[in-house]
Amino acid sequence: MTIAHLRNICQFIRHGNVGIGTTSPATTLEVAGNVTISGGGTIKREAWITPTFANSWLDYGTSGDTAYGPTAYYRGTDGVVRFRGLIRAGTIDACAFTLPTGYRPSKYRLMTVMSGACRLDIMPTGCVVARVGCSNNWLSLDGVAFRVVDD
């Protein structure tokens, strides 16, 4: 195997980025193509993030019944944002919390969630809103998921 052949397979950038199948890696490791991991190992995912609530919304698990886990969200490496937890006591049709840039859909996402016949809107501004039909006694965010990449 020659140096020229290695350059076609792998690109090492002076500032520490490594590219496999790409000559211009933008992150610490960028792979253009499929990846197989064998022999064990761990893929680290982003930690759950606790939202900052607005309009009187509260986390049900920390302000009500502690048998329920905390409300949080994260963005996976697949570009999907996932929610968990229950919220309560807020103003219907008002923003419960706002997702930061990079966690927002490019278009409106309308979700059906548990709380009666309830619609949850996730706006391109990042605002997460429980609409008419929702109860503010409790509203489950478990299972809410949407893509922010190639949206």
C-alpha atoms as a PDB file:
ATOM      1  CA  MET A   1       0.000   0.000   0.000  1.00  0.00           C
ATOM      2  CA  THR A   2       1.408   3.381  -0.995  1.00  0.00           C
ATOM      3  CA  ILE A   3       1.057   6.799   0.629  1.00  0.00           C
ATOM      4  CA  ALA A   4      -0.984   7.955  -2.378  1.00  0.00           C
ATOM      5  CA  HIS A   5      -3.348   5.014  -1.883  1.00  0.00           C
ATOM      6  CA  LEU A   6      -3.776   5.890   1.816  1.00  0.00           C
ATOM      7  CA  ARG A   7      -4.580   9.497   0.907  1.00  0.00           C
ATOM      8  CA  ASN A   8      -7.453   8.261  -1.260  1.00  0.00           C
ATOM      9  CA  ILE A   9      -8.863   6.246   1.646  1.00  0.00           C
ATOM     10  CA  CYS A  10      -8.224   8.461   4.649  1.00  0.00           C
ATOM     11  CA  GLN A  11      -7.688  12.192   5.164  1.00  0.00           C
ATOM     12  CA  PHE A  12      -5.988  13.566   8.273  1.00  0.00           C
ATOM     13  CA  ILE A  13      -6.303  17.304   8.795  1.00  0.00           C
ATOM     14  CA  ARG A  14      -3.708  19.213  10.760  1.00  0.00           C
ATOM     15  CA  HIS A  15      -6.190  20.537  13.322  1.00  0.00           C
ATOM     16  CA  GLY A  16      -7.161  16.973  14.295  1.00  0.00           C
ATOM     17  CA  ASN A  17     -10.136  16.056  12.100  1.00  0.00           C
ATOM     18  CA  VAL A  18     -10.055  12.642  10.438  1.00  0.00           C
ATOM     19  CA  GLY A  19     -11.956  11.791   7.283  1.00  0.00           C
ATOM     20  CA  ILE A  20     -12.652   8.365   5.839  1.00  0.00           C
ATOM     21  CA  GLY A  21     -14.009   8.540   2.320  1.00  0.00           C
ATOM     22  CA  THR A  22     -13.839  12.342   2.378  1.00  0.00           C
ATOM     23  CA  THR A  23     -10.988  14.791   1.835  1.00  0.00           C
ATOM     24  CA  SER A  24     -12.511  17.582   3.918  1.00  0.00           C
ATOM     25  CA  PRO A  25     -13.741  16.282   7.291  1.00  0.00           C
ATOM     26  CA  ALA A  26     -15.706  18.951   9.150  1.00  0.00           C
ATOM     27  CA  THR A  27     -15.849  17.147  12.510  1.00  0.00           C
ATOM     28  CA  THR A  28     -13.455  15.118  14.652  1.00  0.00           C
ATOM     29  CA  LEU A  29     -14.378  11.993  12.664  1.00  0.00           C
ATOM     30  CA  GLU A  30     -16.361  12.106   9.451  1.00  0.00           C
ATOM     31  CA  VAL A  31     -17.139   8.946   7.522  1.00  0.00           C
ATOM     32  CA  ALA A  32     -18.642   9.122   4.031  1.00  0.00           C
ATOM     33  CA  GLY A  33     -20.391   5.762   3.689  1.00  0.00           C
ATOM     34  CA  ASN A  34     -21.652   2.982   5.904  1.00  0.00           C
ATOM     35  CA  VAL A  35     -19.979   2.182   9.219  1.00  0.00           C
ATOM     36  CA  THR A  36     -19.668  -1.205  10.911  1.00  0.00           C
ATOM     37  CA  ILE A  37     -18.429  -1.462  14.474  1.00  0.00           C
ATOM     38  CA  SER A  38     -17.321  -4.880  15.624  1.00  0.00           C
ATOM     39  CA  GLY A  39     -15.498  -6.156  18.668  1.00  0.00           C
ATOM     40  CA  GLY A  40     -17.441  -4.033  21.136  1.00  0.00           C
ATOM     41  CA  GLY A  41     -17.301  -0.335  21.736  1.00  0.00           C
ATOM     42  CA  THR A  42     -19.725   2.410  22.573  1.00  0.00           C
ATOM     43  CA  ILE A  43     -21.268   5.203  20.565  1.00  0.00           C
ATOM     44  CA  LYS A  44     -21.756   8.164  22.840  1.00  0.00           C
ATOM     45  CA  ARG A  45     -25.019   9.987  22.427  1.00  0.00           C
ATOM     46  CA  GLU A  46     -25.975  13.410  23.606  1.00  0.00           C
ATOM     47  CA  ALA A  47     -27.251  13.746  27.159  1.00  0.00           C
ATOM     48  CA  TRP A  48     -30.895  14.541  27.868  1.00  0.00           C
ATOM     49  CA  ILE A  49     -31.514  18.299  28.151  1.00  0.00           C
ATOM     50  CA  THR A  50     -34.023  19.733  30.618  1.00  0.00           C
ATOM     51  CA  PRO A  51     -36.127  22.466  28.998  1.00  0.00           C
ATOM     52  CA  THR A  52     -36.685  25.888  30.523  1.00  0.00           C
ATOM     53  CA  PHE A  53     -40.440  26.103  30.959  1.00  0.00           C
ATOM     54  CA  ALA A  54     -42.582  29.159  30.192  1.00  0.00           C
ATOM     55  CA  ASN A  55     -46.221  30.221  30.668  1.00  0.00           C
ATOM     56  CA  SER A  56     -46.664  28.380  33.986  1.00  0.00           C
ATOM     57  CA  TRP A  57     -45.768  24.939  32.541  1.00  0.00           C
ATOM     58  CA  LEU A  58     -43.994  22.637  35.016  1.00  0.00           C
ATOM     59  CA  ASP A  59     -42.255  19.297  34.900  1.00  0.00           C
ATOM     60  CA  TYR A  60     -44.717  16.772  36.336  1.00  0.00           C
ATOM     61  CA  GLY A  61     -41.979  14.471  37.664  1.00  0.00           C
ATOM     62  CA  THR A  62     -40.239  17.112  39.757  1.00  0.00           C
ATOM     63  CA  SER A  63     -43.219  19.285  40.724  1.00  0.00           C
ATOM     64  CA  GLY A  64     -45.958  16.691  41.105  1.00  0.00           C
ATOM     65  CA  ASP A  65     -45.600  12.934  41.353  1.00  0.00           C
ATOM     66  CA  THR A  66     -41.909  11.981  41.577  1.00  0.00           C
ATOM     67  CA  ALA A  67     -42.725   8.445  40.359  1.00  0.00           C
ATOM     68  CA  TYR A  68     -42.452   9.914  36.844  1.00  0.00           C
ATOM     69  CA  GLY A  69     -39.140  10.689  35.203  1.00  0.00           C
ATOM     70  CA  PRO A  70     -38.037  14.217  34.366  1.00  0.00           C
ATOM     71  CA  THR A  71     -39.107  15.984  31.187  1.00  0.00           C
ATOM     72  CA  ALA A  72     -36.236  16.312  28.733  1.00  0.00           C
ATOM     73  CA  TYR A  73     -35.208  16.142  25.075  1.00  0.00           C
ATOM     74  CA  TYR A  74     -32.141  15.199  23.060  1.00  0.00           C
ATOM     75  CA  ARG A  75     -31.010  15.090  19.443  1.00  0.00           C
ATOM     76  CA  GLY A  76     -29.599  11.776  18.286  1.00  0.00           C
ATOM     77  CA  THR A  77     -26.825  11.275  15.770  1.00  0.00           C
ATOM     78  CA  ASP A  78     -29.557  10.389  13.262  1.00  0.00           C
ATOM     79  CA  GLY A  79     -30.867  13.979  13.422  1.00  0.00           C
ATOM     80  CA  VAL A  80     -34.012  12.981  15.326  1.00  0.00           C
ATOM     81  CA  VAL A  81     -35.077  15.019  18.367  1.00  0.00           C
ATOM     82  CA  ARG A  82     -36.839  12.923  21.020  1.00  0.00           C
ATOM     83  CA  PHE A  83     -38.907  14.023  24.026  1.00  0.00           C
ATOM     84  CA  ARG A  84     -39.728  12.265  27.290  1.00  0.00           C
ATOM     85  CA  GLY A  85     -41.712  13.049  30.430  1.00  0.00           C
ATOM     86  CA  LEU A  86     -44.915  14.758  31.524  1.00  0.00           C
ATOM     87  CA  ILE A  87     -45.703  18.446  31.857  1.00  0.00           C
ATOM     88  CA  ARG A  88     -48.556  20.135  33.737  1.00  0.00           C
ATOM     89  CA  ALA A  89     -50.282  23.317  34.936  1.00  0.00           C
ATOM     90  CA  GLY A  90     -49.439  25.588  32.003  1.00  0.00           C
ATOM     91  CA  THR A  91     -51.401  27.843  29.688  1.00  0.00           C
ATOM     92  CA  ILE A  92     -52.974  26.041  26.718  1.00  0.00           C
ATOM     93  CA  ASP A  93     -52.071  27.600  23.317  1.00  0.00           C
ATOM     94  CA  ALA A  94     -48.952  29.213  24.807  1.00  0.00           C
ATOM     95  CA  CYS A  95     -45.342  28.123  24.407  1.00  0.00           C
ATOM     96  CA  ALA A  96     -44.456  25.512  27.063  1.00  0.00           C
ATOM     97  CA  PHE A  97     -40.738  25.698  26.226  1.00  0.00           C
ATOM     98  CA  THR A  98     -38.506  26.650  23.308  1.00  0.00           C
ATOM     99  CA  LEU A  99     -36.054  24.321  21.615  1.00  0.00           C
ATOM    100  CA  PRO A 100     -32.646  25.806  20.777  1.00  0.00           C
ATOM    101  CA  THR A 101     -31.298  26.196  17.248  1.00  0.00           C
ATOM    102  CA  GLY A 102     -30.261  22.815  15.903  1.00  0.00           C
ATOM    103  CA  TYR A 103     -33.199  21.116  17.632  1.00  0.00           C
ATOM    104  CA  ARG A 104     -35.977  22.847  15.688  1.00  0.00           C
ATOM    105  CA  PRO A 105     -37.890  21.525  12.676  1.00  0.00           C
ATOM    106  CA  SER A 106     -37.758  23.625   9.499  1.00  0.00           C
ATOM    107  CA  LYS A 107     -41.532  23.256   9.145  1.00  0.00           C
ATOM    108  CA  TYR A 108     -44.385  22.894  11.637  1.00  0.00           C
ATOM    109  CA  ARG A 109     -44.696  19.446  13.211  1.00  0.00           C
ATOM    110  CA  LEU A 110     -48.098  18.495  14.623  1.00  0.00           C
ATOM    111  CA  MET A 111     -48.135  15.580  17.061  1.00  0.00           C
ATOM    112  CA  THR A 112     -50.910  13.708  18.821  1.00  0.00           C
ATOM    113  CA  VAL A 113     -50.012  13.246  22.484  1.00  0.00           C
ATOM    114  CA  MET A 114     -51.700  11.760  25.542  1.00  0.00           C
ATOM    115  CA  SER A 115     -53.909  14.222  27.422  1.00  0.00           C
ATOM    116  CA  GLY A 116     -57.333  13.594  25.983  1.00  0.00           C
ATOM    117  CA  ALA A 117     -57.599  14.354  22.258  1.00  0.00           C
ATOM    118  CA  CYS A 118     -54.579  16.595  22.247  1.00  0.00           C
ATOM    119  CA  ARG A 119     -52.357  18.149  19.594  1.00  0.00           C
ATOM    120  CA  LEU A 120     -48.817  19.318  20.301  1.00  0.00           C
ATOM    121  CA  ASP A 121     -47.310  21.789  17.824  1.00  0.00           C
ATOM    122  CA  ILE A 122     -43.564  22.114  17.389  1.00  0.00           C
ATOM    123  CA  MET A 123     -42.830  25.291  15.467  1.00  0.00           C
ATOM    124  CA  PRO A 124     -39.816  26.276  13.336  1.00  0.00           C
ATOM    125  CA  THR A 125     -39.109  28.926  16.010  1.00  0.00           C
ATOM    126  CA  GLY A 126     -38.603  26.067  18.493  1.00  0.00           C
ATOM    127  CA  CYS A 127     -41.765  26.865  20.437  1.00  0.00           C
ATOM    128  CA  VAL A 128     -43.546  23.743  21.766  1.00  0.00           C
ATOM    129  CA  VAL A 129     -47.275  24.410  22.214  1.00  0.00           C
ATOM    130  CA  ALA A 130     -50.117  22.325  23.669  1.00  0.00           C
ATOM    131  CA  ARG A 131     -53.210  23.210  21.654  1.00  0.00           C
ATOM    132  CA  VAL A 132     -56.924  23.281  22.448  1.00  0.00           C
ATOM    133  CA  GLY A 133     -58.082  19.809  23.445  1.00  0.00           C
ATOM    134  CA  CYS A 134     -55.140  19.305  25.764  1.00  0.00           C
ATOM    135  CA  SER A 135     -55.535  19.210  29.504  1.00  0.00           C
ATOM    136  CA  ASN A 136     -53.060  21.091  31.626  1.00  0.00           C
ATOM    137  CA  ASN A 137     -53.550  18.547  34.440  1.00  0.00           C
ATOM    138  CA  TRP A 138     -50.924  16.445  32.658  1.00  0.00           C
ATOM    139  CA  LEU A 139     -49.603  16.082  29.133  1.00  0.00           C
ATOM    140  CA  SER A 140     -47.291  13.242  28.095  1.00  0.00           C
ATOM    141  CA  LEU A 141     -44.360  14.023  25.794  1.00  0.00           C
ATOM    142  CA  ASP A 142     -43.165  10.400  25.725  1.00  0.00           C
ATOM    143  CA  GLY A 143     -42.701   9.166  22.178  1.00  0.00           C
ATOM    144  CA  VAL A 144     -42.638  12.590  20.489  1.00  0.00           C
ATOM    145  CA  ALA A 145     -39.905  12.481  17.847  1.00  0.00           C
ATOM    146  CA  PHE A 146     -39.129  14.406  14.651  1.00  0.00           C
ATOM    147  CA  ARG A 147     -36.206  14.896  12.266  1.00  0.00           C
ATOM    148  CA  VAL A 148     -34.304  18.159  12.045  1.00  0.00           C
ATOM    149  CA  VAL A 149     -31.865  16.958   9.364  1.00  0.00           C
ATOM    150  CA  ASP A 150     -33.122  16.979   5.749  1.00  0.00           C
ATOM    151  CA  ASP A 151     -36.478  18.129   7.080  1.00  0.00           C
END
